[in-house]
Amino acid sequence: MDDHIWGYLDPLNPALVRIDFLIPCPSVSIGRNLQGNTVVFSSPRISNHHCVITWDGKNLDPDCPGPEVTVWDTSTNGTVFLAISLNSGIHYAVKLIKRPRTIGSKGTLRVEDQVEEDSRIPGQPSAWTLLLREIKIMTKLHHRNVCKIHEIFLQSGDDAYLVLKLVKGGTLADHLPRSVPGLTESEAKRFIYQICDALSYIHSQGIVHRDLKPENILLTNETPPTVKIADFGLAKMIDNGTMLRVSHWV
């Protein structure tokens, strides 16, 4: 590795250039937002503030004990792990959200309408607030085309774990590029019907998703695949008097 850097991002795409982490900057923030990030990516799969990579500043000499580099997940989506139930052997997807401070003296999870601002973006809800909103909404929804929540629990009082049914087929965003030259009419009709059926149910429960996109539509690994709508962090409960607006056109 070059003497003037402590690390780098090496792209899998040969058309992209390597991003070096310079020694004078031991902490690098990565995200989509131009403000507050050292490295900016435009991909919609990247959160506004995605992660922070820090180097402990120790000697980079290969003959010495290696330095410690830590990756902190700061995305609003949280970190998702593959987990196995020791009792049943069933696989689950576990979504981890770290709260910036302790939540209550007994470490109990209170699903309530509290709003914490993101310290990096004034006026925007924190990842913790989005998680509470997602839990409250997902526990209310029971539909074959909505990702099912299995369990919620805490560890150490600060980390919340959302246990979800594992959907193994990836996202619709992953599926579309593999469908060359494109989806057939019957495939498109099947996806659209399932999405509309799920949305009709979600709206009947007084909920709007507000972040529906191919990245948030999961697919099972069956043939044909079944749609599972996920990621309700930006969803909102509404009534007849709720005003909604579109802030961005695609």
C-alpha atoms as a PDB file:
ATOM      1  CA  MET A   1       0.000   0.000   0.000  1.00  0.00           C
ATOM      2  CA  ASP A   2       1.205   3.546  -0.753  1.00  0.00           C
ATOM      3  CA  ASP A   3       2.989   5.428   2.042  1.00  0.00           C
ATOM      4  CA  HIS A   4       0.596   8.408   2.018  1.00  0.00           C
ATOM      5  CA  ILE A   5      -2.615   6.405   2.664  1.00  0.00           C
ATOM      6  CA  TRP A   6      -3.972   4.169   5.437  1.00  0.00           C
ATOM      7  CA  GLY A   7      -6.627   2.479   3.314  1.00  0.00           C
ATOM      8  CA  TYR A   8      -8.745   2.701   0.199  1.00  0.00           C
ATOM      9  CA  LEU A   9     -12.001   1.648  -1.463  1.00  0.00           C
ATOM     10  CA  ASP A  10     -11.239  -0.683  -4.354  1.00  0.00           C
ATOM     11  CA  PRO A  11     -14.180  -0.755  -6.808  1.00  0.00           C
ATOM     12  CA  LEU A  12     -15.324  -4.002  -8.394  1.00  0.00           C
ATOM     13  CA  ASN A  13     -16.281  -2.042 -11.512  1.00  0.00           C
ATOM     14  CA  PRO A  14     -13.079  -1.483 -13.558  1.00  0.00           C
ATOM     15  CA  ALA A  15     -14.562   1.717 -14.969  1.00  0.00           C
ATOM     16  CA  LEU A  16     -14.392   3.368 -11.531  1.00  0.00           C
ATOM     17  CA  VAL A  17     -11.278   4.756  -9.859  1.00  0.00           C
ATOM     18  CA  ARG A  18      -9.895   3.742  -6.486  1.00  0.00           C
ATOM     19  CA  ILE A  19     -10.689   6.079  -3.568  1.00  0.00           C
ATOM     20  CA  ASP A  20      -7.723   6.589  -1.226  1.00  0.00           C
ATOM     21  CA  PHE A  21      -7.919   7.402   2.491  1.00  0.00           C
ATOM     22  CA  LEU A  22      -5.115   9.831   3.274  1.00  0.00           C
ATOM     23  CA  ILE A  23      -3.086   9.573   6.491  1.00  0.00           C
ATOM     24  CA  PRO A  24      -3.878  13.169   7.632  1.00  0.00           C
ATOM     25  CA  CYS A  25      -7.596  12.237   7.628  1.00  0.00           C
ATOM     26  CA  PRO A  26      -8.067   9.210   9.944  1.00  0.00           C
ATOM     27  CA  SER A  27     -11.874   9.374   9.709  1.00  0.00           C
ATOM     28  CA  VAL A  28     -13.837   9.182   6.456  1.00  0.00           C
ATOM     29  CA  SER A  29     -17.608   9.641   6.217  1.00  0.00           C
ATOM     30  CA  ILE A  30     -19.416   8.149   3.227  1.00  0.00           C
ATOM     31  CA  GLY A  31     -22.897   8.957   1.961  1.00  0.00           C
ATOM     32  CA  ARG A  32     -25.118  10.474  -0.703  1.00  0.00           C
ATOM     33  CA  ASN A  33     -25.497  13.919   0.880  1.00  0.00           C
ATOM     34  CA  LEU A  34     -23.026  16.568  -0.246  1.00  0.00           C
ATOM     35  CA  GLN A  35     -22.977  18.015   3.262  1.00  0.00           C
ATOM     36  CA  GLY A  36     -21.112  16.222   6.016  1.00  0.00           C
ATOM     37  CA  ASN A  37     -19.509  13.507   3.894  1.00  0.00           C
ATOM     38  CA  THR A  38     -15.889  13.055   2.826  1.00  0.00           C
ATOM     39  CA  VAL A  39     -16.822  10.648   0.030  1.00  0.00           C
ATOM     40  CA  VAL A  40     -20.088  11.156  -1.867  1.00  0.00           C
ATOM     41  CA  PHE A  41     -21.885   8.533  -3.980  1.00  0.00           C
ATOM     42  CA  SER A  42     -25.009   9.287  -6.001  1.00  0.00           C
ATOM     43  CA  SER A  43     -26.468   5.766  -5.958  1.00  0.00           C
ATOM     44  CA  PRO A  44     -29.958   5.545  -4.386  1.00  0.00           C
ATOM     45  CA  ARG A  45     -28.738   2.447  -2.535  1.00  0.00           C
ATOM     46  CA  ILE A  46     -26.455   4.673  -0.471  1.00  0.00           C
ATOM     47  CA  SER A  47     -28.012   6.511   2.493  1.00  0.00           C
ATOM     48  CA  ASN A  48     -27.539  10.260   2.926  1.00  0.00           C
ATOM     49  CA  HIS A  49     -25.070   9.391   5.702  1.00  0.00           C
ATOM     50  CA  HIS A  50     -24.141   5.771   5.068  1.00  0.00           C
ATOM     51  CA  CYS A  51     -21.107   4.942   7.205  1.00  0.00           C
ATOM     52  CA  VAL A  52     -17.966   6.278   8.865  1.00  0.00           C
ATOM     53  CA  ILE A  53     -14.634   4.464   8.491  1.00  0.00           C
ATOM     54  CA  THR A  54     -12.011   5.320  11.126  1.00  0.00           C
ATOM     55  CA  TRP A  55      -8.348   4.407  11.494  1.00  0.00           C
ATOM     56  CA  ASP A  56      -6.820   4.274  14.986  1.00  0.00           C
ATOM     57  CA  GLY A  57      -3.634   5.976  13.753  1.00  0.00           C
ATOM     58  CA  LYS A  58      -1.324   3.087  14.587  1.00  0.00           C
ATOM     59  CA  ASN A  59       1.800   2.233  12.613  1.00  0.00           C
ATOM     60  CA  LEU A  60       1.119   0.956   9.097  1.00  0.00           C
ATOM     61  CA  ASP A  61       4.466  -0.848   8.908  1.00  0.00           C
ATOM     62  CA  PRO A  62       3.727  -4.414   7.736  1.00  0.00           C
ATOM     63  CA  ASP A  63       6.308  -5.755  10.220  1.00  0.00           C
ATOM     64  CA  CYS A  64       4.403  -4.227  13.167  1.00  0.00           C
ATOM     65  CA  PRO A  65       1.065  -5.289  14.673  1.00  0.00           C
ATOM     66  CA  GLY A  66      -1.676  -4.191  12.310  1.00  0.00           C
ATOM     67  CA  PRO A  67      -3.761  -1.051  12.839  1.00  0.00           C
ATOM     68  CA  GLU A  68      -7.427  -1.165  13.717  1.00  0.00           C
ATOM     69  CA  VAL A  69      -9.957   0.117  11.196  1.00  0.00           C
ATOM     70  CA  THR A  70     -13.607   0.385  12.249  1.00  0.00           C
ATOM     71  CA  VAL A  71     -16.664   0.762  10.039  1.00  0.00           C
ATOM     72  CA  TRP A  72     -19.604   2.489  11.781  1.00  0.00           C
ATOM     73  CA  ASP A  73     -23.000   2.043  10.146  1.00  0.00           C
ATOM     74  CA  THR A  74     -24.748   5.445  10.198  1.00  0.00           C
ATOM     75  CA  SER A  75     -27.422   4.701   7.601  1.00  0.00           C
ATOM     76  CA  THR A  76     -31.120   5.122   8.314  1.00  0.00           C
ATOM     77  CA  ASN A  77     -31.701   1.607   7.009  1.00  0.00           C
ATOM     78  CA  GLY A  78     -29.563  -0.016   9.687  1.00  0.00           C
ATOM     79  CA  THR A  79     -27.377  -3.085   9.293  1.00  0.00           C
ATOM     80  CA  VAL A  80     -28.984  -6.371   8.227  1.00  0.00           C
ATOM     81  CA  PHE A  81     -27.556  -9.739   9.289  1.00  0.00           C
ATOM     82  CA  LEU A  82     -28.415 -13.330   8.419  1.00  0.00           C
ATOM     83  CA  ALA A  83     -29.383 -15.191  11.602  1.00  0.00           C
ATOM     84  CA  ILE A  84     -30.401 -18.765  12.492  1.00  0.00           C
ATOM     85  CA  SER A  85     -32.804 -19.668  15.296  1.00  0.00           C
ATOM     86  CA  LEU A  86     -31.069 -22.150  17.614  1.00  0.00           C
ATOM     87  CA  ASN A  87     -34.457 -23.656  18.521  1.00  0.00           C
ATOM     88  CA  SER A  88     -35.937 -24.165  15.062  1.00  0.00           C
ATOM     89  CA  GLY A  89     -33.001 -23.812  12.662  1.00  0.00           C
ATOM     90  CA  ILE A  90     -35.043 -21.295  10.639  1.00  0.00           C
ATOM     91  CA  HIS A  91     -33.130 -18.463   8.937  1.00  0.00           C
ATOM     92  CA  TYR A  92     -34.155 -14.852   9.579  1.00  0.00           C
ATOM     93  CA  ALA A  93     -33.017 -11.393   8.532  1.00  0.00           C
ATOM     94  CA  VAL A  94     -32.064  -9.323  11.590  1.00  0.00           C
ATOM     95  CA  LYS A  95     -32.014  -5.552  11.214  1.00  0.00           C
ATOM     96  CA  LEU A  96     -29.831  -3.722  13.743  1.00  0.00           C
ATOM     97  CA  ILE A  97     -30.280  -0.062  14.668  1.00  0.00           C
ATOM     98  CA  LYS A  98     -27.931   1.547  17.185  1.00  0.00           C
ATOM     99  CA  ARG A  99     -29.379   4.340  19.272  1.00  0.00           C
ATOM    100  CA  PRO A 100     -26.986   7.194  20.089  1.00  0.00           C
ATOM    101  CA  ARG A 101     -27.936   7.036  23.775  1.00  0.00           C
ATOM    102  CA  THR A 102     -29.558   4.659  26.267  1.00  0.00           C
ATOM    103  CA  ILE A 103     -33.298   4.169  26.031  1.00  0.00           C
ATOM    104  CA  GLY A 104     -34.718   4.032  29.513  1.00  0.00           C
ATOM    105  CA  SER A 105     -33.378   2.843  32.839  1.00  0.00           C
ATOM    106  CA  LYS A 106     -34.473  -0.779  32.304  1.00  0.00           C
ATOM    107  CA  GLY A 107     -33.547  -1.005  28.631  1.00  0.00           C
ATOM    108  CA  THR A 108     -37.131  -1.604  27.550  1.00  0.00           C
ATOM    109  CA  LEU A 109     -38.300  -0.746  24.049  1.00  0.00           C
ATOM    110  CA  ARG A 110     -41.156   1.735  24.047  1.00  0.00           C
ATOM    111  CA  VAL A 111     -42.933   2.010  20.695  1.00  0.00           C
ATOM    112  CA  GLU A 112     -44.320   5.519  20.890  1.00  0.00           C
ATOM    113  CA  ASP A 113     -44.565   8.694  18.870  1.00  0.00           C
ATOM    114  CA  GLN A 114     -41.339  10.264  20.071  1.00  0.00           C
ATOM    115  CA  VAL A 115     -39.179  12.071  17.535  1.00  0.00           C
ATOM    116  CA  GLU A 116     -35.449  12.491  17.850  1.00  0.00           C
ATOM    117  CA  GLU A 117     -33.731  14.711  15.327  1.00  0.00           C
ATOM    118  CA  ASP A 118     -30.750  13.469  13.371  1.00  0.00           C
ATOM    119  CA  SER A 119     -27.813  15.372  14.845  1.00  0.00           C
ATOM    120  CA  ARG A 120     -26.243  15.635  11.381  1.00  0.00           C
ATOM    121  CA  ILE A 121     -29.355  17.004   9.630  1.00  0.00           C
ATOM    122  CA  PRO A 122     -31.432  19.456  11.714  1.00  0.00           C
ATOM    123  CA  GLY A 123     -35.144  18.896  11.346  1.00  0.00           C
ATOM    124  CA  GLN A 124     -34.759  15.316  10.060  1.00  0.00           C
ATOM    125  CA  PRO A 125     -35.784  12.314  12.212  1.00  0.00           C
ATOM    126  CA  SER A 126     -33.014  10.102  13.552  1.00  0.00           C
ATOM    127  CA  ALA A 127     -32.519   6.454  12.619  1.00  0.00           C
ATOM    128  CA  TRP A 128     -33.979   5.534  16.011  1.00  0.00           C
ATOM    129  CA  THR A 129     -37.191   7.478  15.357  1.00  0.00           C
ATOM    130  CA  LEU A 130     -37.500   5.816  11.944  1.00  0.00           C
ATOM    131  CA  LEU A 131     -37.074   2.408  13.579  1.00  0.00           C
ATOM    132  CA  LEU A 132     -39.814   3.084  16.144  1.00  0.00           C
ATOM    133  CA  ARG A 133     -42.086   4.210  13.325  1.00  0.00           C
ATOM    134  CA  GLU A 134     -41.258   1.099  11.298  1.00  0.00           C
ATOM    135  CA  ILE A 135     -41.948  -1.231  14.239  1.00  0.00           C
ATOM    136  CA  LYS A 136     -45.263   0.410  15.040  1.00  0.00           C
ATOM    137  CA  ILE A 137     -46.437   0.126  11.443  1.00  0.00           C
ATOM    138  CA  MET A 138     -45.099  -3.354  10.620  1.00  0.00           C
ATOM    139  CA  THR A 139     -46.685  -4.935  13.710  1.00  0.00           C
ATOM    140  CA  LYS A 140     -50.031  -3.678  12.373  1.00  0.00           C
ATOM    141  CA  LEU A 141     -49.659  -5.169   8.881  1.00  0.00           C
ATOM    142  CA  HIS A 142     -50.482  -8.781   7.970  1.00  0.00           C
ATOM    143  CA  HIS A 143     -50.497  -9.402   4.226  1.00  0.00           C
ATOM    144  CA  ARG A 144     -48.894 -12.023   1.973  1.00  0.00           C
ATOM    145  CA  ASN A 145     -47.054  -9.300   0.009  1.00  0.00           C
ATOM    146  CA  VAL A 146     -45.728  -7.345   3.014  1.00  0.00           C
ATOM    147  CA  CYS A 147     -42.489  -8.354   4.746  1.00  0.00           C
ATOM    148  CA  LYS A 148     -43.428  -9.942   8.073  1.00  0.00           C
ATOM    149  CA  ILE A 149     -41.931  -8.902  11.397  1.00  0.00           C
ATOM    150  CA  HIS A 150     -41.167 -11.872  13.659  1.00  0.00           C
ATOM    151  CA  GLU A 151     -39.716 -10.425  16.861  1.00  0.00           C
ATOM    152  CA  ILE A 152     -38.176  -7.311  18.426  1.00  0.00           C
ATOM    153  CA  PHE A 153     -35.587  -7.297  21.192  1.00  0.00           C
ATOM    154  CA  LEU A 154     -32.804  -5.231  22.737  1.00  0.00           C
ATOM    155  CA  GLN A 155     -29.255  -5.936  23.809  1.00  0.00           C
ATOM    156  CA  SER A 156     -27.228  -3.752  26.164  1.00  0.00           C
ATOM    157  CA  GLY A 157     -30.079  -1.251  26.246  1.00  0.00           C
ATOM    158  CA  ASP A 158     -28.847   0.630  23.193  1.00  0.00           C
ATOM    159  CA  ASP A 159     -29.135  -1.732  20.222  1.00  0.00           C
ATOM    160  CA  ALA A 160     -32.518  -2.676  18.784  1.00  0.00           C
ATOM    161  CA  TYR A 161     -32.871  -5.848  16.732  1.00  0.00           C
ATOM    162  CA  LEU A 162     -35.771  -6.246  14.325  1.00  0.00           C
ATOM    163  CA  VAL A 163     -36.176  -9.926  13.384  1.00  0.00           C
ATOM    164  CA  LEU A 164     -37.827 -10.293   9.967  1.00  0.00           C
ATOM    165  CA  LYS A 165     -38.817 -13.197   7.798  1.00  0.00           C
ATOM    166  CA  LEU A 166     -35.917 -13.892   5.425  1.00  0.00           C
ATOM    167  CA  VAL A 167     -36.713 -13.169   1.779  1.00  0.00           C
ATOM    168  CA  LYS A 168     -34.014 -14.888  -0.298  1.00  0.00           C
ATOM    169  CA  GLY A 169     -34.649 -13.682  -3.844  1.00  0.00           C
ATOM    170  CA  GLY A 170     -33.068 -10.232  -3.548  1.00  0.00           C
ATOM    171  CA  THR A 171     -34.785  -7.007  -4.552  1.00  0.00           C
ATOM    172  CA  LEU A 172     -36.710  -6.010  -7.645  1.00  0.00           C
ATOM    173  CA  ALA A 173     -33.808  -3.664  -8.389  1.00  0.00           C
ATOM    174  CA  ASP A 174     -31.495  -6.715  -8.510  1.00  0.00           C
ATOM    175  CA  HIS A 175     -33.959  -8.707 -10.605  1.00  0.00           C
ATOM    176  CA  LEU A 176     -34.621  -6.178 -13.373  1.00  0.00           C
ATOM    177  CA  PRO A 177     -31.068  -6.070 -14.860  1.00  0.00           C
ATOM    178  CA  ARG A 178     -31.029  -9.888 -14.989  1.00  0.00           C
ATOM    179  CA  SER A 179     -34.245  -9.932 -17.036  1.00  0.00           C
ATOM    180  CA  VAL A 180     -32.690  -9.395 -20.464  1.00  0.00           C
ATOM    181  CA  PRO A 181     -34.074  -7.899 -22.686  1.00  0.00           C
ATOM    182  CA  GLY A 182     -36.671  -7.047 -20.012  1.00  0.00           C
ATOM    183  CA  LEU A 183     -39.653  -8.401 -18.114  1.00  0.00           C
ATOM    184  CA  THR A 184     -42.219 -10.237 -20.170  1.00  0.00           C
ATOM    185  CA  GLU A 185     -45.746  -8.841 -20.134  1.00  0.00           C
ATOM    186  CA  SER A 186     -46.945 -11.673 -17.879  1.00  0.00           C
ATOM    187  CA  GLU A 187     -44.067 -11.091 -15.408  1.00  0.00           C
ATOM    188  CA  ALA A 188     -44.748  -7.354 -15.306  1.00  0.00           C
ATOM    189  CA  LYS A 189     -48.463  -7.946 -14.768  1.00  0.00           C
ATOM    190  CA  ARG A 190     -47.731 -10.397 -11.933  1.00  0.00           C
ATOM    191  CA  PHE A 191     -45.410  -7.945 -10.131  1.00  0.00           C
ATOM    192  CA  ILE A 192     -47.716  -4.965 -10.618  1.00  0.00           C
ATOM    193  CA  TYR A 193     -50.752  -6.890  -9.376  1.00  0.00           C
ATOM    194  CA  GLN A 194     -48.967  -7.992  -6.172  1.00  0.00           C
ATOM    195  CA  ILE A 195     -47.596  -4.494  -5.515  1.00  0.00           C
ATOM    196  CA  CYS A 196     -51.005  -2.873  -6.065  1.00  0.00           C
ATOM    197  CA  ASP A 197     -52.729  -5.504  -3.910  1.00  0.00           C
ATOM    198  CA  ALA A 198     -50.267  -4.851  -1.075  1.00  0.00           C
ATOM    199  CA  LEU A 199     -50.613  -1.067  -1.408  1.00  0.00           C
ATOM    200  CA  SER A 200     -54.394  -1.317  -1.395  1.00  0.00           C
ATOM    201  CA  TYR A 201     -54.192  -3.256   1.879  1.00  0.00           C
ATOM    202  CA  ILE A 202     -51.605  -0.878   3.386  1.00  0.00           C
ATOM    203  CA  HIS A 203     -53.739   2.154   2.501  1.00  0.00           C
ATOM    204  CA  SER A 204     -56.840   0.448   3.928  1.00  0.00           C
ATOM    205  CA  GLN A 205     -54.966   0.319   7.256  1.00  0.00           C
ATOM    206  CA  GLY A 206     -54.454   4.097   7.163  1.00  0.00           C
ATOM    207  CA  ILE A 207     -50.752   3.846   6.217  1.00  0.00           C
ATOM    208  CA  VAL A 208     -48.768   5.296   3.329  1.00  0.00           C
ATOM    209  CA  HIS A 209     -45.331   3.845   2.521  1.00  0.00           C
ATOM    210  CA  ARG A 210     -43.743   7.051   1.089  1.00  0.00           C
ATOM    211  CA  ASP A 211     -40.570   5.292  -0.086  1.00  0.00           C
ATOM    212  CA  LEU A 212     -41.756   2.673  -2.569  1.00  0.00           C
ATOM    213  CA  LYS A 213     -39.005   1.850  -5.077  1.00  0.00           C
ATOM    214  CA  PRO A 214     -37.427  -1.297  -6.592  1.00  0.00           C
ATOM    215  CA  GLU A 215     -34.823  -1.408  -3.783  1.00  0.00           C
ATOM    216  CA  ASN A 216     -37.612  -1.746  -1.182  1.00  0.00           C
ATOM    217  CA  ILE A 217     -39.500  -4.490  -3.011  1.00  0.00           C
ATOM    218  CA  LEU A 218     -38.143  -7.912  -2.039  1.00  0.00           C
ATOM    219  CA  LEU A 219     -38.688 -11.114  -4.011  1.00  0.00           C
ATOM    220  CA  THR A 220     -38.827 -14.708  -2.849  1.00  0.00           C
ATOM    221  CA  ASN A 221     -36.652 -17.304  -4.610  1.00  0.00           C
ATOM    222  CA  GLU A 222     -39.686 -19.206  -5.857  1.00  0.00           C
ATOM    223  CA  THR A 223     -40.661 -19.523  -9.527  1.00  0.00           C
ATOM    224  CA  PRO A 224     -42.431 -17.224 -10.149  1.00  0.00           C
ATOM    225  CA  PRO A 225     -41.242 -14.989  -7.286  1.00  0.00           C
ATOM    226  CA  THR A 226     -43.606 -13.470  -4.737  1.00  0.00           C
ATOM    227  CA  VAL A 227     -43.382  -9.744  -3.933  1.00  0.00           C
ATOM    228  CA  LYS A 228     -42.699  -8.617  -0.342  1.00  0.00           C
ATOM    229  CA  ILE A 229     -42.829  -4.857   0.310  1.00  0.00           C
ATOM    230  CA  ALA A 230     -40.274  -3.828   2.941  1.00  0.00           C
ATOM    231  CA  ASP A 231     -38.627  -0.842   4.676  1.00  0.00           C
ATOM    232  CA  PHE A 232     -41.409   1.105   6.362  1.00  0.00           C
ATOM    233  CA  GLY A 233     -39.040   3.568   8.064  1.00  0.00           C
ATOM    234  CA  LEU A 234     -40.497   6.520   6.147  1.00  0.00           C
ATOM    235  CA  ALA A 235     -44.092   5.258   6.237  1.00  0.00           C
ATOM    236  CA  LYS A 236     -46.757   7.259   8.004  1.00  0.00           C
ATOM    237  CA  MET A 237     -50.129   6.622   9.596  1.00  0.00           C
ATOM    238  CA  ILE A 238     -52.783   8.950   8.162  1.00  0.00           C
ATOM    239  CA  ASP A 239     -56.452   9.810   8.484  1.00  0.00           C
ATOM    240  CA  ASN A 240     -58.904  11.773   6.378  1.00  0.00           C
ATOM    241  CA  GLY A 241     -57.439  15.070   7.569  1.00  0.00           C
ATOM    242  CA  THR A 242     -53.790  14.271   6.812  1.00  0.00           C
ATOM    243  CA  MET A 243     -52.162  16.383   4.120  1.00  0.00           C
ATOM    244  CA  LEU A 244     -49.553  14.692   1.908  1.00  0.00           C
ATOM    245  CA  ARG A 245     -47.308  16.209  -0.725  1.00  0.00           C
ATOM    246  CA  VAL A 246     -44.764  15.033  -3.295  1.00  0.00           C
ATOM    247  CA  SER A 247     -41.402  16.742  -2.798  1.00  0.00           C
ATOM    248  CA  HIS A 248     -39.515  15.070  -5.672  1.00  0.00           C
ATOM    249  CA  TRP A 249     -40.557  13.932  -9.109  1.00  0.00           C
ATOM    250  CA  VAL A 250     -38.785  10.992 -10.772  1.00  0.00           C
END
